[in-house]
Amino acid sequence: MASFDPISSGKAKAILDTPTEFSSDAKVIRYTKPAMQRPKHIVLLCRTSSMFSTVQVISPGGGENKLHSHSNLDGFWFVLRGRVRFYTTDDEVIAELGPEEAVSIPHNYPYWFENIGETDVELLQVESLLNAGETVQRTLHAGEEVEENFDVSEV
């Protein structure tokens, strides 16, 4: 599993935006939780022209804490381990989730989330692009600034 610093390398966006495989064959994926060097680590499981899937591992107190939306993604977040809370505008709680619970986030819906447990949370993320071949569109809300304090790797 290759890991790198997306801040200095700029590869995070490229990995998430670039289809990795156009094969019509099935792909076997084996996930292993990465060693945490930052508060968040994204493991890309697969990427095609119309969808991608990751596991996001988030340390206690961490998360995707910038209110944002995606104009071209419909998302599904499934908790594998740990506890997470999802919010929308004005910090309104959408859901508080534990293992084997999920939330669906439609395109243009503003959200953010945080780990609310005492252990790392592992979130399976499945995103469908509204138009095949597009790159991921992310809009920050309420004057938020981008802060990429995370690692990204591929299986």
N, C-alpha and C. Protein backbone atom coordinates (compact mmCIF):
# COMPACT_ATOMS: atom_id res chain seq x y z
N MET A 1 0.85 -1.17 0.00
CA MET A 1 0.00 0.00 0.00
C MET A 1 0.90 1.23 0.00
N ALA A 2 0.84 2.01 -1.08
CA ALA A 2 1.66 3.21 -1.19
C ALA A 2 0.99 4.36 -0.47
N SER A 3 1.74 5.09 0.33
CA SER A 3 1.20 6.23 1.06
C SER A 3 2.06 7.44 0.76
N PHE A 4 1.46 8.63 0.79
CA PHE A 4 2.22 9.83 0.50
C PHE A 4 1.57 11.02 1.16
N ASP A 5 2.27 12.13 1.13
CA ASP A 5 1.79 13.38 1.71
C ASP A 5 1.09 14.18 0.63
N PRO A 6 -0.26 14.27 0.66
CA PRO A 6 -0.97 14.95 -0.42
C PRO A 6 -0.74 16.45 -0.45
N ILE A 7 -0.31 17.02 0.65
CA ILE A 7 -0.09 18.46 0.69
C ILE A 7 1.11 18.84 -0.17
N SER A 8 2.22 18.09 -0.01
CA SER A 8 3.41 18.44 -0.78
C SER A 8 3.42 17.78 -2.15
N SER A 9 2.74 16.65 -2.31
CA SER A 9 2.80 15.95 -3.59
C SER A 9 1.67 16.32 -4.53
N GLY A 10 0.54 16.77 -3.99
CA GLY A 10 -0.61 17.10 -4.83
C GLY A 10 -1.28 15.90 -5.46
N LYS A 11 -0.97 14.69 -5.02
CA LYS A 11 -1.50 13.48 -5.65
C LYS A 11 -2.88 13.09 -5.14
N ALA A 12 -3.34 13.64 -4.02
CA ALA A 12 -4.64 13.23 -3.46
C ALA A 12 -5.76 13.47 -4.46
N LYS A 13 -5.83 14.65 -5.01
CA LYS A 13 -6.88 14.97 -5.98
C LYS A 13 -6.73 14.09 -7.21
N ALA A 14 -5.51 13.87 -7.67
CA ALA A 14 -5.30 13.05 -8.86
C ALA A 14 -5.77 11.61 -8.63
N ILE A 15 -5.49 11.06 -7.46
CA ILE A 15 -5.91 9.68 -7.19
C ILE A 15 -7.43 9.58 -7.16
N LEU A 16 -8.09 10.53 -6.51
CA LEU A 16 -9.55 10.46 -6.40
C LEU A 16 -10.24 10.85 -7.70
N ASP A 17 -9.61 11.64 -8.54
CA ASP A 17 -10.24 12.10 -9.77
C ASP A 17 -9.95 11.22 -10.99
N THR A 18 -8.93 10.40 -10.94
CA THR A 18 -8.51 9.64 -12.11
C THR A 18 -9.03 8.21 -12.05
N PRO A 19 -9.82 7.80 -13.04
CA PRO A 19 -10.24 6.39 -13.08
C PRO A 19 -9.02 5.49 -13.15
N THR A 20 -9.00 4.47 -12.31
CA THR A 20 -7.82 3.63 -12.22
C THR A 20 -7.91 2.40 -13.10
N GLU A 21 -9.11 2.08 -13.57
CA GLU A 21 -9.26 0.84 -14.30
C GLU A 21 -10.53 0.88 -15.13
N PHE A 22 -10.45 0.46 -16.38
CA PHE A 22 -11.62 0.39 -17.23
C PHE A 22 -11.90 -1.05 -17.65
N SER A 23 -11.36 -2.00 -16.95
CA SER A 23 -11.53 -3.40 -17.29
C SER A 23 -12.97 -3.83 -17.06
N SER A 24 -13.43 -4.76 -17.88
CA SER A 24 -14.76 -5.34 -17.67
C SER A 24 -14.69 -6.55 -16.76
N ASP A 25 -13.49 -6.86 -16.27
CA ASP A 25 -13.31 -7.98 -15.35
C ASP A 25 -13.58 -7.54 -13.92
N ALA A 26 -13.96 -8.48 -13.09
CA ALA A 26 -14.14 -8.22 -11.66
C ALA A 26 -12.79 -7.93 -11.03
N LYS A 27 -12.80 -7.14 -9.97
CA LYS A 27 -11.56 -6.81 -9.26
C LYS A 27 -11.73 -7.20 -7.80
N VAL A 28 -10.84 -8.03 -7.31
CA VAL A 28 -10.86 -8.42 -5.90
C VAL A 28 -10.11 -7.36 -5.11
N ILE A 29 -10.70 -6.91 -4.01
CA ILE A 29 -10.12 -5.85 -3.20
C ILE A 29 -9.96 -6.36 -1.78
N ARG A 30 -8.76 -6.18 -1.23
CA ARG A 30 -8.51 -6.58 0.16
C ARG A 30 -8.04 -5.35 0.92
N TYR A 31 -8.85 -4.94 1.86
CA TYR A 31 -8.57 -3.75 2.67
C TYR A 31 -7.85 -4.13 3.95
N THR A 32 -6.83 -3.35 4.28
CA THR A 32 -6.13 -3.45 5.56
C THR A 32 -6.07 -2.04 6.14
N LYS A 33 -6.43 -1.90 7.40
CA LYS A 33 -6.39 -0.59 8.03
C LYS A 33 -4.95 -0.06 8.00
N PRO A 34 -4.76 1.18 7.53
CA PRO A 34 -3.41 1.74 7.46
C PRO A 34 -2.90 2.20 8.82
N ALA A 35 -1.59 2.30 8.94
CA ALA A 35 -0.99 2.92 10.13
C ALA A 35 -1.30 4.41 10.06
N MET A 36 -1.78 4.96 11.16
CA MET A 36 -2.18 6.37 11.17
C MET A 36 -0.99 7.26 11.50
N GLN A 37 -0.67 8.18 10.57
CA GLN A 37 0.38 9.16 10.80
C GLN A 37 -0.19 10.57 10.91
N ARG A 38 -1.44 10.73 10.51
CA ARG A 38 -2.17 11.99 10.58
C ARG A 38 -3.56 11.68 11.13
N PRO A 39 -4.38 12.69 11.40
CA PRO A 39 -5.72 12.44 11.95
C PRO A 39 -6.67 11.71 11.01
N LYS A 40 -6.34 11.69 9.70
CA LYS A 40 -7.23 11.06 8.72
C LYS A 40 -6.40 10.38 7.64
N HIS A 41 -6.88 9.22 7.20
CA HIS A 41 -6.22 8.49 6.12
C HIS A 41 -7.31 7.96 5.20
N ILE A 42 -7.20 8.23 3.91
CA ILE A 42 -8.17 7.75 2.92
C ILE A 42 -7.52 6.63 2.12
N VAL A 43 -8.17 5.47 2.10
CA VAL A 43 -7.69 4.33 1.32
C VAL A 43 -8.63 4.16 0.12
N LEU A 44 -8.11 4.40 -1.08
CA LEU A 44 -8.90 4.22 -2.29
C LEU A 44 -9.02 2.73 -2.58
N LEU A 45 -10.26 2.23 -2.60
CA LEU A 45 -10.50 0.82 -2.87
C LEU A 45 -10.65 0.56 -4.36
N CYS A 46 -11.43 1.41 -5.04
CA CYS A 46 -11.61 1.26 -6.48
C CYS A 46 -12.11 2.57 -7.07
N ARG A 47 -11.92 2.70 -8.39
CA ARG A 47 -12.37 3.90 -9.10
C ARG A 47 -12.65 3.51 -10.53
N THR A 48 -13.84 3.81 -11.00
CA THR A 48 -14.17 3.62 -12.40
C THR A 48 -14.58 4.98 -12.95
N SER A 49 -15.08 5.02 -14.17
CA SER A 49 -15.47 6.30 -14.75
C SER A 49 -16.72 6.88 -14.11
N SER A 50 -17.50 6.06 -13.38
CA SER A 50 -18.76 6.55 -12.82
C SER A 50 -18.91 6.40 -11.31
N MET A 51 -17.92 5.84 -10.63
CA MET A 51 -18.01 5.71 -9.18
C MET A 51 -16.63 5.52 -8.57
N PHE A 52 -16.56 5.72 -7.24
CA PHE A 52 -15.35 5.35 -6.51
C PHE A 52 -15.75 4.95 -5.10
N SER A 53 -14.86 4.20 -4.48
CA SER A 53 -15.09 3.76 -3.10
C SER A 53 -13.80 3.87 -2.31
N THR A 54 -13.93 4.36 -1.09
CA THR A 54 -12.78 4.47 -0.19
C THR A 54 -13.17 3.95 1.18
N VAL A 55 -12.17 3.76 2.01
CA VAL A 55 -12.38 3.66 3.45
C VAL A 55 -11.65 4.85 4.03
N GLN A 56 -12.37 5.67 4.78
CA GLN A 56 -11.76 6.80 5.48
C GLN A 56 -11.57 6.39 6.93
N VAL A 57 -10.33 6.48 7.40
CA VAL A 57 -10.01 6.16 8.79
C VAL A 57 -9.74 7.48 9.49
N ILE A 58 -10.46 7.72 10.58
CA ILE A 58 -10.38 9.01 11.26
C ILE A 58 -10.11 8.80 12.74
N SER A 59 -9.10 9.49 13.24
CA SER A 59 -8.72 9.40 14.65
C SER A 59 -9.78 10.07 15.53
N PRO A 60 -9.82 9.74 16.82
CA PRO A 60 -10.77 10.39 17.72
C PRO A 60 -10.65 11.91 17.65
N GLY A 61 -11.80 12.57 17.57
CA GLY A 61 -11.83 14.03 17.50
C GLY A 61 -11.64 14.59 16.10
N GLY A 62 -11.29 13.73 15.14
CA GLY A 62 -11.05 14.20 13.78
C GLY A 62 -12.26 13.99 12.89
N GLY A 63 -12.13 14.39 11.65
CA GLY A 63 -13.22 14.18 10.69
C GLY A 63 -13.12 15.09 9.51
N GLU A 64 -14.19 15.17 8.77
CA GLU A 64 -14.32 16.07 7.63
C GLU A 64 -15.10 17.26 8.16
N ASN A 65 -14.39 18.14 8.88
CA ASN A 65 -15.10 19.17 9.65
C ASN A 65 -15.23 20.51 8.94
N LYS A 66 -15.27 20.48 7.63
CA LYS A 66 -15.55 21.67 6.84
C LYS A 66 -16.88 21.42 6.14
N LEU A 67 -17.87 22.29 6.39
CA LEU A 67 -19.16 22.15 5.72
C LEU A 67 -18.94 22.27 4.22
N HIS A 68 -19.37 21.24 3.48
CA HIS A 68 -19.16 21.21 2.04
C HIS A 68 -20.25 20.39 1.37
N SER A 69 -20.30 20.48 0.05
CA SER A 69 -21.23 19.66 -0.73
C SER A 69 -20.53 19.28 -2.03
N HIS A 70 -21.13 18.32 -2.71
CA HIS A 70 -20.61 17.86 -4.00
C HIS A 70 -21.73 17.98 -5.03
N SER A 71 -21.53 18.79 -6.04
CA SER A 71 -22.58 19.01 -7.04
C SER A 71 -22.77 17.83 -7.98
N ASN A 72 -21.80 16.94 -8.04
CA ASN A 72 -21.89 15.84 -8.99
C ASN A 72 -21.70 14.46 -8.37
N LEU A 73 -21.90 14.36 -7.05
CA LEU A 73 -21.76 13.07 -6.38
C LEU A 73 -22.98 12.76 -5.52
N ASP A 74 -23.46 11.54 -5.61
CA ASP A 74 -24.40 11.01 -4.63
C ASP A 74 -23.60 10.03 -3.80
N GLY A 75 -23.64 10.20 -2.47
CA GLY A 75 -22.76 9.42 -1.60
C GLY A 75 -23.48 8.52 -0.62
N PHE A 76 -22.76 7.48 -0.22
CA PHE A 76 -23.23 6.52 0.77
C PHE A 76 -22.08 6.29 1.74
N TRP A 77 -22.32 6.47 3.04
CA TRP A 77 -21.31 6.32 4.08
C TRP A 77 -21.76 5.24 5.05
N PHE A 78 -20.97 4.17 5.19
CA PHE A 78 -21.31 3.01 6.02
C PHE A 78 -20.23 2.85 7.09
N VAL A 79 -20.64 2.81 8.34
CA VAL A 79 -19.68 2.69 9.44
C VAL A 79 -19.26 1.23 9.60
N LEU A 80 -17.96 0.97 9.41
CA LEU A 80 -17.41 -0.36 9.64
C LEU A 80 -17.06 -0.55 11.12
N ARG A 81 -16.37 0.47 11.69
CA ARG A 81 -15.95 0.44 13.10
C ARG A 81 -16.02 1.86 13.65
N GLY A 82 -16.32 1.97 14.94
CA GLY A 82 -16.32 3.27 15.60
C GLY A 82 -17.66 3.97 15.58
N ARG A 83 -17.64 5.25 15.95
CA ARG A 83 -18.86 6.07 16.02
C ARG A 83 -18.60 7.40 15.34
N VAL A 84 -19.58 7.86 14.56
CA VAL A 84 -19.45 9.09 13.80
C VAL A 84 -20.76 9.87 13.84
N ARG A 85 -20.63 11.19 13.77
CA ARG A 85 -21.81 12.05 13.72
C ARG A 85 -21.72 12.90 12.45
N PHE A 86 -22.81 12.92 11.67
CA PHE A 86 -22.91 13.73 10.46
C PHE A 86 -23.78 14.94 10.74
N TYR A 87 -23.37 16.08 10.19
CA TYR A 87 -24.07 17.35 10.37
C TYR A 87 -24.39 17.96 9.02
N THR A 88 -25.34 18.90 9.03
CA THR A 88 -25.61 19.73 7.86
C THR A 88 -25.49 21.19 8.29
N THR A 89 -26.07 22.09 7.55
CA THR A 89 -26.00 23.52 7.81
C THR A 89 -26.38 23.86 9.25
N ASP A 90 -25.70 24.85 9.82
CA ASP A 90 -25.92 25.31 11.20
C ASP A 90 -25.68 24.21 12.23
N ASP A 91 -24.82 23.25 11.89
CA ASP A 91 -24.46 22.14 12.77
C ASP A 91 -25.65 21.30 13.21
N GLU A 92 -26.69 21.27 12.39
CA GLU A 92 -27.84 20.40 12.65
C GLU A 92 -27.40 18.95 12.44
N VAL A 93 -27.70 18.09 13.42
CA VAL A 93 -27.30 16.69 13.33
C VAL A 93 -28.19 15.96 12.32
N ILE A 94 -27.54 15.30 11.37
CA ILE A 94 -28.25 14.44 10.40
C ILE A 94 -28.40 13.05 11.00
N ALA A 95 -27.28 12.53 11.54
CA ALA A 95 -27.28 11.17 12.05
C ALA A 95 -26.09 10.95 12.97
N GLU A 96 -26.30 10.12 13.97
CA GLU A 96 -25.22 9.62 14.82
C GLU A 96 -25.21 8.12 14.59
N LEU A 97 -24.07 7.61 14.10
CA LEU A 97 -24.01 6.25 13.61
C LEU A 97 -22.93 5.43 14.29
N GLY A 98 -23.21 4.14 14.42
CA GLY A 98 -22.24 3.17 14.91
C GLY A 98 -22.06 2.09 13.86
N PRO A 99 -21.35 1.01 14.21
CA PRO A 99 -21.09 -0.06 13.26
C PRO A 99 -22.36 -0.60 12.61
N GLU A 100 -22.25 -0.83 11.32
CA GLU A 100 -23.31 -1.39 10.50
C GLU A 100 -24.51 -0.46 10.34
N GLU A 101 -24.25 0.86 10.45
CA GLU A 101 -25.26 1.88 10.18
C GLU A 101 -24.70 2.80 9.10
N ALA A 102 -25.61 3.46 8.37
CA ALA A 102 -25.17 4.25 7.22
C ALA A 102 -26.04 5.48 7.02
N VAL A 103 -25.53 6.40 6.20
CA VAL A 103 -26.29 7.57 5.78
C VAL A 103 -26.04 7.78 4.29
N SER A 104 -27.08 8.22 3.60
CA SER A 104 -26.98 8.55 2.19
C SER A 104 -26.99 10.07 2.06
N ILE A 105 -26.04 10.61 1.29
CA ILE A 105 -25.92 12.06 1.10
C ILE A 105 -26.10 12.37 -0.39
N PRO A 106 -27.22 12.98 -0.78
CA PRO A 106 -27.43 13.30 -2.20
C PRO A 106 -26.57 14.48 -2.65
N HIS A 107 -26.39 14.61 -3.96
CA HIS A 107 -25.59 15.73 -4.49
C HIS A 107 -26.21 17.06 -4.05
N ASN A 108 -25.32 18.05 -3.88
CA ASN A 108 -25.66 19.41 -3.44
C ASN A 108 -26.12 19.51 -1.99
N TYR A 109 -26.06 18.44 -1.23
CA TYR A 109 -26.47 18.48 0.18
C TYR A 109 -25.26 18.83 1.05
N PRO A 110 -25.27 19.95 1.77
CA PRO A 110 -24.12 20.32 2.59
C PRO A 110 -24.01 19.42 3.83
N TYR A 111 -22.77 18.98 4.10
CA TYR A 111 -22.56 18.11 5.26
C TYR A 111 -21.11 18.20 5.74
N TRP A 112 -20.92 17.72 6.94
CA TRP A 112 -19.60 17.45 7.49
C TRP A 112 -19.78 16.37 8.53
N PHE A 113 -18.67 15.75 8.99
CA PHE A 113 -18.79 14.69 9.98
C PHE A 113 -17.57 14.67 10.89
N GLU A 114 -17.75 14.00 12.04
CA GLU A 114 -16.65 13.88 13.00
C GLU A 114 -16.72 12.54 13.72
N ASN A 115 -15.56 12.07 14.12
CA ASN A 115 -15.44 10.88 14.95
C ASN A 115 -15.86 11.28 16.36
N ILE A 116 -16.85 10.61 16.92
CA ILE A 116 -17.31 10.94 18.27
C ILE A 116 -16.97 9.85 19.28
N GLY A 117 -16.17 8.88 18.86
CA GLY A 117 -15.79 7.79 19.75
C GLY A 117 -14.40 7.98 20.32
N GLU A 118 -13.97 6.98 21.05
CA GLU A 118 -12.64 7.00 21.67
C GLU A 118 -11.62 6.18 20.89
N THR A 119 -12.06 5.59 19.79
CA THR A 119 -11.16 4.81 18.92
C THR A 119 -11.29 5.33 17.49
N ASP A 120 -10.39 4.89 16.61
CA ASP A 120 -10.49 5.27 15.21
C ASP A 120 -11.82 4.82 14.64
N VAL A 121 -12.38 5.64 13.76
CA VAL A 121 -13.58 5.26 13.02
C VAL A 121 -13.14 4.86 11.61
N GLU A 122 -13.76 3.82 11.07
CA GLU A 122 -13.51 3.39 9.70
C GLU A 122 -14.83 3.48 8.95
N LEU A 123 -14.86 4.36 7.94
CA LEU A 123 -16.06 4.63 7.16
C LEU A 123 -15.89 4.16 5.73
N LEU A 124 -16.77 3.29 5.28
CA LEU A 124 -16.80 2.91 3.88
C LEU A 124 -17.56 4.00 3.14
N GLN A 125 -16.93 4.60 2.14
CA GLN A 125 -17.51 5.66 1.33
C GLN A 125 -17.70 5.13 -0.08
N VAL A 126 -18.94 5.22 -0.59
CA VAL A 126 -19.23 4.85 -1.96
C VAL A 126 -19.87 6.06 -2.61
N GLU A 127 -19.27 6.56 -3.69
CA GLU A 127 -19.74 7.76 -4.36
C GLU A 127 -20.03 7.45 -5.83
N SER A 128 -21.17 7.92 -6.29
CA SER A 128 -21.56 7.75 -7.69
C SER A 128 -21.51 9.11 -8.38
N LEU A 129 -20.77 9.19 -9.47
CA LEU A 129 -20.71 10.42 -10.26
C LEU A 129 -21.97 10.54 -11.11
N LEU A 130 -22.57 11.72 -11.12
CA LEU A 130 -23.79 11.92 -11.90
C LEU A 130 -23.53 11.76 -13.40
N ASN A 131 -22.33 12.15 -13.85
CA ASN A 131 -21.94 12.02 -15.25
C ASN A 131 -20.59 11.31 -15.31
N ALA A 132 -20.57 10.16 -15.96
CA ALA A 132 -19.34 9.37 -16.05
C ALA A 132 -18.19 10.20 -16.59
N GLY A 133 -17.02 9.99 -16.00
CA GLY A 133 -15.81 10.65 -16.47
C GLY A 133 -15.52 11.99 -15.84
N GLU A 134 -16.46 12.54 -15.06
CA GLU A 134 -16.24 13.83 -14.41
C GLU A 134 -15.21 13.71 -13.29
N THR A 135 -14.64 14.84 -12.92
CA THR A 135 -13.82 14.90 -11.73
C THR A 135 -14.72 15.30 -10.56
N VAL A 136 -14.27 15.02 -9.35
CA VAL A 136 -15.05 15.32 -8.15
C VAL A 136 -15.15 16.84 -7.96
N GLN A 137 -16.36 17.33 -7.78
CA GLN A 137 -16.60 18.75 -7.54
C GLN A 137 -16.93 18.93 -6.05
N ARG A 138 -16.20 19.82 -5.39
CA ARG A 138 -16.40 20.06 -3.96
C ARG A 138 -16.57 21.55 -3.72
N THR A 139 -17.67 21.92 -3.06
CA THR A 139 -17.94 23.31 -2.74
C THR A 139 -17.90 23.49 -1.24
N LEU A 140 -17.03 24.40 -0.77
CA LEU A 140 -16.98 24.72 0.65
C LEU A 140 -18.03 25.79 0.94
N HIS A 141 -18.66 25.70 2.11
CA HIS A 141 -19.72 26.63 2.50
C HIS A 141 -19.27 27.51 3.65
N ALA A 142 -19.93 28.64 3.82
CA ALA A 142 -19.74 29.54 4.98
C ALA A 142 -18.29 29.98 5.16
N GLY A 143 -17.60 30.28 4.06
CA GLY A 143 -16.25 30.82 4.17
C GLY A 143 -15.20 29.83 4.65
N GLU A 144 -15.49 28.54 4.57
CA GLU A 144 -14.52 27.53 5.00
C GLU A 144 -13.31 27.55 4.07
N GLU A 145 -12.14 27.19 4.60
CA GLU A 145 -10.93 27.09 3.81
C GLU A 145 -10.49 25.65 3.74
N VAL A 146 -9.86 25.28 2.65
CA VAL A 146 -9.37 23.92 2.47
C VAL A 146 -8.19 23.66 3.39
N GLU A 147 -8.23 22.55 4.09
CA GLU A 147 -7.11 22.11 4.92
C GLU A 147 -6.99 20.61 4.73
N GLU A 148 -5.94 20.19 4.04
CA GLU A 148 -5.78 18.77 3.74
C GLU A 148 -4.75 18.15 4.67
N ASN A 149 -5.16 17.84 5.88
CA ASN A 149 -4.28 17.20 6.85
C ASN A 149 -4.62 15.71 6.90
N PHE A 150 -4.33 15.02 5.78
CA PHE A 150 -4.63 13.60 5.72
C PHE A 150 -3.69 12.92 4.74
N ASP A 151 -3.66 11.61 4.82
CA ASP A 151 -2.88 10.80 3.89
C ASP A 151 -3.84 10.05 2.98
N VAL A 152 -3.38 9.67 1.81
CA VAL A 152 -4.16 8.90 0.86
C VAL A 152 -3.30 7.75 0.37
N SER A 153 -3.92 6.57 0.23
CA SER A 153 -3.21 5.41 -0.31
C SER A 153 -4.16 4.60 -1.16
N GLU A 154 -3.61 3.69 -1.93
CA GLU A 154 -4.41 2.79 -2.77
C GLU A 154 -4.16 1.36 -2.35
N VAL A 155 -5.16 0.49 -2.55
CA VAL A 155 -4.96 -0.94 -2.27
C VAL A 155 -4.35 -1.60 -3.47
